[in-house]
Amino acid sequence: MLSAGPAVSTSTPEAEAFVRFCYQRRRVGWPELYDEMCAVATRGLYQGMGHEALAEIGVGFSLFETPRLAQLVARVVAEEQAARKAAKAAACQVIAAA
């Protein structure tokens, strides 16, 4: 039996952009976002890219690629949530200063 090996945390900017696109469509975490990413890939909703084109930029949907994809999703979701929280705090400060 072949081992998938350790999950690698490297990703391409294009893969990150794809995950951000999917997250902005549906603000959920793993594994629900995986379902959204599969739907987007199947329909070619991200720049017309399907499963094969996404695999070329580092987004794989196979069982062996899911640990790396889950790590990427977790990182991107955390970054998006932090950015939204910071923007909300800045808006509150502006309102309080007015």
N, C-alpha and C. Protein backbone atom coordinates (compact mmCIF):
# COMPACT_ATOMS: atom_id res chain seq x y z
N MET A 1 0.84 -1.18 0.00
CA MET A 1 0.00 0.00 0.00
C MET A 1 0.88 1.24 0.00
N LEU A 2 0.53 2.20 -0.83
CA LEU A 2 1.29 3.43 -0.92
C LEU A 2 0.83 4.42 0.13
N SER A 3 1.78 5.11 0.71
CA SER A 3 1.46 6.13 1.70
C SER A 3 1.35 7.48 1.02
N ALA A 4 0.46 8.30 1.51
CA ALA A 4 0.31 9.64 0.95
C ALA A 4 1.45 10.54 1.38
N GLY A 5 2.15 10.15 2.41
CA GLY A 5 3.26 10.95 2.91
C GLY A 5 2.75 12.11 3.74
N PRO A 6 3.65 12.89 4.27
CA PRO A 6 3.23 14.03 5.10
C PRO A 6 2.58 15.11 4.25
N ALA A 7 1.67 15.81 4.85
CA ALA A 7 1.03 16.92 4.16
C ALA A 7 2.03 18.05 4.00
N VAL A 8 2.11 18.59 2.80
CA VAL A 8 3.04 19.68 2.51
C VAL A 8 2.26 20.98 2.56
N SER A 9 2.81 21.97 3.23
CA SER A 9 2.08 23.22 3.43
C SER A 9 2.35 24.26 2.34
N THR A 10 3.14 23.92 1.32
CA THR A 10 3.40 24.89 0.27
C THR A 10 2.21 24.96 -0.67
N SER A 11 2.00 26.13 -1.23
CA SER A 11 0.91 26.31 -2.18
C SER A 11 1.30 27.40 -3.16
N THR A 12 0.59 27.45 -4.24
CA THR A 12 0.83 28.50 -5.23
C THR A 12 -0.12 29.66 -4.97
N PRO A 13 0.25 30.85 -5.41
CA PRO A 13 -0.68 31.99 -5.27
C PRO A 13 -2.00 31.74 -6.00
N GLU A 14 -1.94 31.01 -7.12
CA GLU A 14 -3.15 30.71 -7.86
C GLU A 14 -4.07 29.78 -7.07
N ALA A 15 -3.47 28.80 -6.37
CA ALA A 15 -4.26 27.89 -5.55
C ALA A 15 -4.92 28.64 -4.40
N GLU A 16 -4.17 29.54 -3.79
CA GLU A 16 -4.73 30.37 -2.71
C GLU A 16 -5.87 31.24 -3.23
N ALA A 17 -5.70 31.80 -4.41
CA ALA A 17 -6.75 32.65 -5.00
C ALA A 17 -8.01 31.82 -5.26
N PHE A 18 -7.85 30.59 -5.70
CA PHE A 18 -9.00 29.71 -5.92
C PHE A 18 -9.75 29.45 -4.61
N VAL A 19 -9.00 29.15 -3.56
CA VAL A 19 -9.63 28.89 -2.26
C VAL A 19 -10.33 30.14 -1.76
N ARG A 20 -9.71 31.32 -1.92
CA ARG A 20 -10.34 32.57 -1.50
C ARG A 20 -11.64 32.82 -2.29
N PHE A 21 -11.60 32.55 -3.58
CA PHE A 21 -12.79 32.70 -4.42
C PHE A 21 -13.93 31.82 -3.89
N CYS A 22 -13.62 30.58 -3.60
CA CYS A 22 -14.63 29.66 -3.09
C CYS A 22 -15.11 30.07 -1.71
N TYR A 23 -14.20 30.54 -0.86
CA TYR A 23 -14.57 30.98 0.48
C TYR A 23 -15.48 32.21 0.41
N GLN A 24 -15.22 33.11 -0.51
CA GLN A 24 -16.06 34.30 -0.64
C GLN A 24 -17.45 33.94 -1.16
N ARG A 25 -17.55 32.86 -1.92
CA ARG A 25 -18.86 32.40 -2.39
C ARG A 25 -19.67 31.78 -1.25
N ARG A 26 -18.95 31.08 -0.38
CA ARG A 26 -19.62 30.38 0.72
C ARG A 26 -18.70 30.39 1.93
N ARG A 27 -18.95 31.22 2.89
CA ARG A 27 -18.08 31.39 4.06
C ARG A 27 -18.27 30.26 5.06
N VAL A 28 -17.65 29.14 4.77
CA VAL A 28 -17.67 27.97 5.64
C VAL A 28 -16.26 27.43 5.74
N GLY A 29 -16.05 26.54 6.66
CA GLY A 29 -14.73 25.93 6.82
C GLY A 29 -14.69 24.55 6.23
N TRP A 30 -13.63 23.85 6.52
CA TRP A 30 -13.44 22.47 6.07
C TRP A 30 -14.38 21.58 6.85
N PRO A 31 -15.07 20.61 6.34
CA PRO A 31 -15.06 20.08 4.99
C PRO A 31 -16.11 20.68 4.07
N GLU A 32 -16.96 21.57 4.59
CA GLU A 32 -18.00 22.14 3.74
C GLU A 32 -17.42 22.91 2.56
N LEU A 33 -16.30 23.60 2.78
CA LEU A 33 -15.68 24.35 1.69
C LEU A 33 -15.15 23.41 0.61
N TYR A 34 -14.76 22.21 0.99
CA TYR A 34 -14.33 21.21 0.00
C TYR A 34 -15.47 20.96 -0.99
N ASP A 35 -16.68 20.83 -0.49
CA ASP A 35 -17.84 20.61 -1.37
C ASP A 35 -18.03 21.78 -2.33
N GLU A 36 -17.88 22.99 -1.81
CA GLU A 36 -18.00 24.18 -2.66
C GLU A 36 -16.91 24.21 -3.72
N MET A 37 -15.67 23.87 -3.33
CA MET A 37 -14.56 23.86 -4.29
C MET A 37 -14.80 22.83 -5.38
N CYS A 38 -15.32 21.67 -5.01
CA CYS A 38 -15.63 20.63 -6.01
C CYS A 38 -16.70 21.13 -6.98
N ALA A 39 -17.72 21.79 -6.46
CA ALA A 39 -18.79 22.31 -7.31
C ALA A 39 -18.25 23.38 -8.25
N VAL A 40 -17.43 24.27 -7.74
CA VAL A 40 -16.84 25.34 -8.57
C VAL A 40 -15.97 24.72 -9.66
N ALA A 41 -15.18 23.72 -9.31
CA ALA A 41 -14.31 23.07 -10.29
C ALA A 41 -15.12 22.34 -11.35
N THR A 42 -16.16 21.65 -10.93
CA THR A 42 -16.99 20.89 -11.87
C THR A 42 -17.65 21.82 -12.88
N ARG A 43 -18.06 23.00 -12.42
CA ARG A 43 -18.75 23.96 -13.30
C ARG A 43 -17.80 24.93 -13.99
N GLY A 44 -16.51 24.90 -13.63
CA GLY A 44 -15.54 25.81 -14.24
C GLY A 44 -15.81 27.26 -13.89
N LEU A 45 -16.30 27.50 -12.68
CA LEU A 45 -16.70 28.85 -12.29
C LEU A 45 -15.52 29.76 -11.94
N TYR A 46 -14.36 29.19 -11.69
CA TYR A 46 -13.19 30.01 -11.37
C TYR A 46 -12.33 30.11 -12.63
N GLN A 47 -12.41 31.23 -13.31
CA GLN A 47 -11.62 31.51 -14.51
C GLN A 47 -11.74 30.39 -15.54
N GLY A 48 -12.88 29.71 -15.57
CA GLY A 48 -13.11 28.65 -16.54
C GLY A 48 -12.31 27.37 -16.27
N MET A 49 -11.68 27.30 -15.07
CA MET A 49 -10.81 26.16 -14.77
C MET A 49 -11.61 24.99 -14.18
N GLY A 50 -11.37 23.82 -14.75
CA GLY A 50 -11.95 22.59 -14.23
C GLY A 50 -10.94 21.86 -13.36
N HIS A 51 -11.24 20.61 -13.05
CA HIS A 51 -10.38 19.82 -12.17
C HIS A 51 -8.95 19.70 -12.69
N GLU A 52 -8.78 19.44 -13.97
CA GLU A 52 -7.42 19.27 -14.52
C GLU A 52 -6.61 20.57 -14.45
N ALA A 53 -7.22 21.66 -14.84
CA ALA A 53 -6.51 22.95 -14.80
C ALA A 53 -6.18 23.33 -13.36
N LEU A 54 -7.09 23.06 -12.44
CA LEU A 54 -6.82 23.36 -11.04
C LEU A 54 -5.68 22.48 -10.50
N ALA A 55 -5.62 21.25 -10.94
CA ALA A 55 -4.53 20.36 -10.51
C ALA A 55 -3.18 20.93 -10.95
N GLU A 56 -3.15 21.57 -12.11
CA GLU A 56 -1.91 22.16 -12.61
C GLU A 56 -1.43 23.32 -11.75
N ILE A 57 -2.34 23.99 -11.04
CA ILE A 57 -1.93 25.11 -10.18
C ILE A 57 -1.81 24.68 -8.72
N GLY A 58 -2.00 23.38 -8.47
CA GLY A 58 -1.78 22.88 -7.11
C GLY A 58 -3.02 22.60 -6.29
N VAL A 59 -4.18 22.54 -6.94
CA VAL A 59 -5.41 22.21 -6.22
C VAL A 59 -5.84 20.82 -6.66
N GLY A 60 -5.62 19.85 -5.78
CA GLY A 60 -6.00 18.48 -6.08
C GLY A 60 -7.12 18.02 -5.19
N PHE A 61 -8.02 17.23 -5.73
CA PHE A 61 -9.19 16.78 -4.99
C PHE A 61 -9.15 15.30 -4.63
N SER A 62 -8.06 14.62 -4.94
CA SER A 62 -7.99 13.19 -4.64
C SER A 62 -7.81 12.95 -3.14
N LEU A 63 -8.05 11.74 -2.74
CA LEU A 63 -7.91 11.36 -1.34
C LEU A 63 -6.51 11.66 -0.81
N PHE A 64 -5.50 11.42 -1.63
CA PHE A 64 -4.12 11.63 -1.20
C PHE A 64 -3.75 13.12 -1.14
N GLU A 65 -4.48 13.95 -1.85
CA GLU A 65 -4.18 15.38 -1.87
C GLU A 65 -4.99 16.18 -0.85
N THR A 66 -5.98 15.55 -0.24
CA THR A 66 -6.85 16.28 0.69
C THR A 66 -6.13 16.82 1.92
N PRO A 67 -5.17 16.14 2.52
CA PRO A 67 -4.51 16.75 3.69
C PRO A 67 -3.86 18.10 3.36
N ARG A 68 -3.20 18.18 2.21
CA ARG A 68 -2.56 19.44 1.81
C ARG A 68 -3.61 20.49 1.51
N LEU A 69 -4.69 20.09 0.85
CA LEU A 69 -5.77 21.02 0.54
C LEU A 69 -6.45 21.52 1.81
N ALA A 70 -6.63 20.63 2.77
CA ALA A 70 -7.24 21.02 4.05
C ALA A 70 -6.36 22.04 4.78
N GLN A 71 -5.04 21.86 4.74
CA GLN A 71 -4.13 22.82 5.35
C GLN A 71 -4.24 24.19 4.68
N LEU A 72 -4.29 24.18 3.36
CA LEU A 72 -4.42 25.42 2.60
C LEU A 72 -5.73 26.12 2.95
N VAL A 73 -6.81 25.37 3.00
CA VAL A 73 -8.12 25.94 3.34
C VAL A 73 -8.08 26.54 4.75
N ALA A 74 -7.52 25.82 5.70
CA ALA A 74 -7.46 26.31 7.08
C ALA A 74 -6.69 27.62 7.15
N ARG A 75 -5.58 27.71 6.44
CA ARG A 75 -4.77 28.93 6.46
C ARG A 75 -5.51 30.09 5.80
N VAL A 76 -6.10 29.86 4.63
CA VAL A 76 -6.79 30.92 3.91
C VAL A 76 -8.01 31.40 4.70
N VAL A 77 -8.77 30.47 5.27
CA VAL A 77 -9.95 30.84 6.05
C VAL A 77 -9.54 31.67 7.26
N ALA A 78 -8.47 31.27 7.94
CA ALA A 78 -7.98 32.04 9.10
C ALA A 78 -7.56 33.44 8.68
N GLU A 79 -6.88 33.56 7.55
CA GLU A 79 -6.45 34.87 7.06
C GLU A 79 -7.66 35.74 6.70
N GLU A 80 -8.64 35.15 6.04
CA GLU A 80 -9.84 35.89 5.66
C GLU A 80 -10.61 36.36 6.89
N GLN A 81 -10.74 35.48 7.88
CA GLN A 81 -11.45 35.85 9.10
C GLN A 81 -10.71 36.95 9.86
N ALA A 82 -9.39 36.87 9.91
CA ALA A 82 -8.60 37.91 10.58
C ALA A 82 -8.75 39.25 9.86
N ALA A 83 -8.75 39.22 8.53
CA ALA A 83 -8.89 40.45 7.76
C ALA A 83 -10.27 41.07 7.98
N ARG A 84 -11.30 40.25 8.01
CA ARG A 84 -12.66 40.76 8.25
C ARG A 84 -12.77 41.35 9.66
N LYS A 85 -12.15 40.69 10.64
CA LYS A 85 -12.19 41.17 12.02
C LYS A 85 -11.46 42.51 12.13
N ALA A 86 -10.31 42.63 11.47
CA ALA A 86 -9.54 43.88 11.49
C ALA A 86 -10.32 45.00 10.81
N ALA A 87 -10.97 44.70 9.71
CA ALA A 87 -11.75 45.71 9.00
C ALA A 87 -12.93 46.17 9.85
N LYS A 88 -13.54 45.24 10.53
CA LYS A 88 -14.68 45.58 11.40
C LYS A 88 -14.21 46.46 12.56
N ALA A 89 -13.07 46.12 13.15
CA ALA A 89 -12.52 46.92 14.26
C ALA A 89 -12.16 48.32 13.80
N ALA A 90 -11.59 48.44 12.61
CA ALA A 90 -11.23 49.75 12.07
C ALA A 90 -12.48 50.59 11.82
N ALA A 91 -13.52 49.94 11.30
CA ALA A 91 -14.78 50.67 11.05
C ALA A 91 -15.39 51.15 12.35
N CYS A 92 -15.32 50.34 13.39
CA CYS A 92 -15.85 50.74 14.70
C CYS A 92 -15.09 51.92 15.28
N GLN A 93 -13.76 51.94 15.06
CA GLN A 93 -12.94 53.05 15.55
C GLN A 93 -13.29 54.34 14.83
N VAL A 94 -13.56 54.25 13.54
CA VAL A 94 -13.91 55.43 12.75
C VAL A 94 -15.24 55.97 13.23
N ILE A 95 -16.18 55.10 13.47
CA ILE A 95 -17.50 55.51 13.94
C ILE A 95 -17.40 56.14 15.34
N ALA A 96 -16.59 55.53 16.21
CA ALA A 96 -16.43 56.04 17.58
C ALA A 96 -15.73 57.41 17.58
N ALA A 97 -14.84 57.63 16.62
CA ALA A 97 -14.12 58.89 16.57
C ALA A 97 -14.98 60.03 16.01
N ALA A 98 -16.01 59.66 15.29
CA ALA A 98 -16.86 60.69 14.64
C ALA A 98 -17.76 61.41 15.59
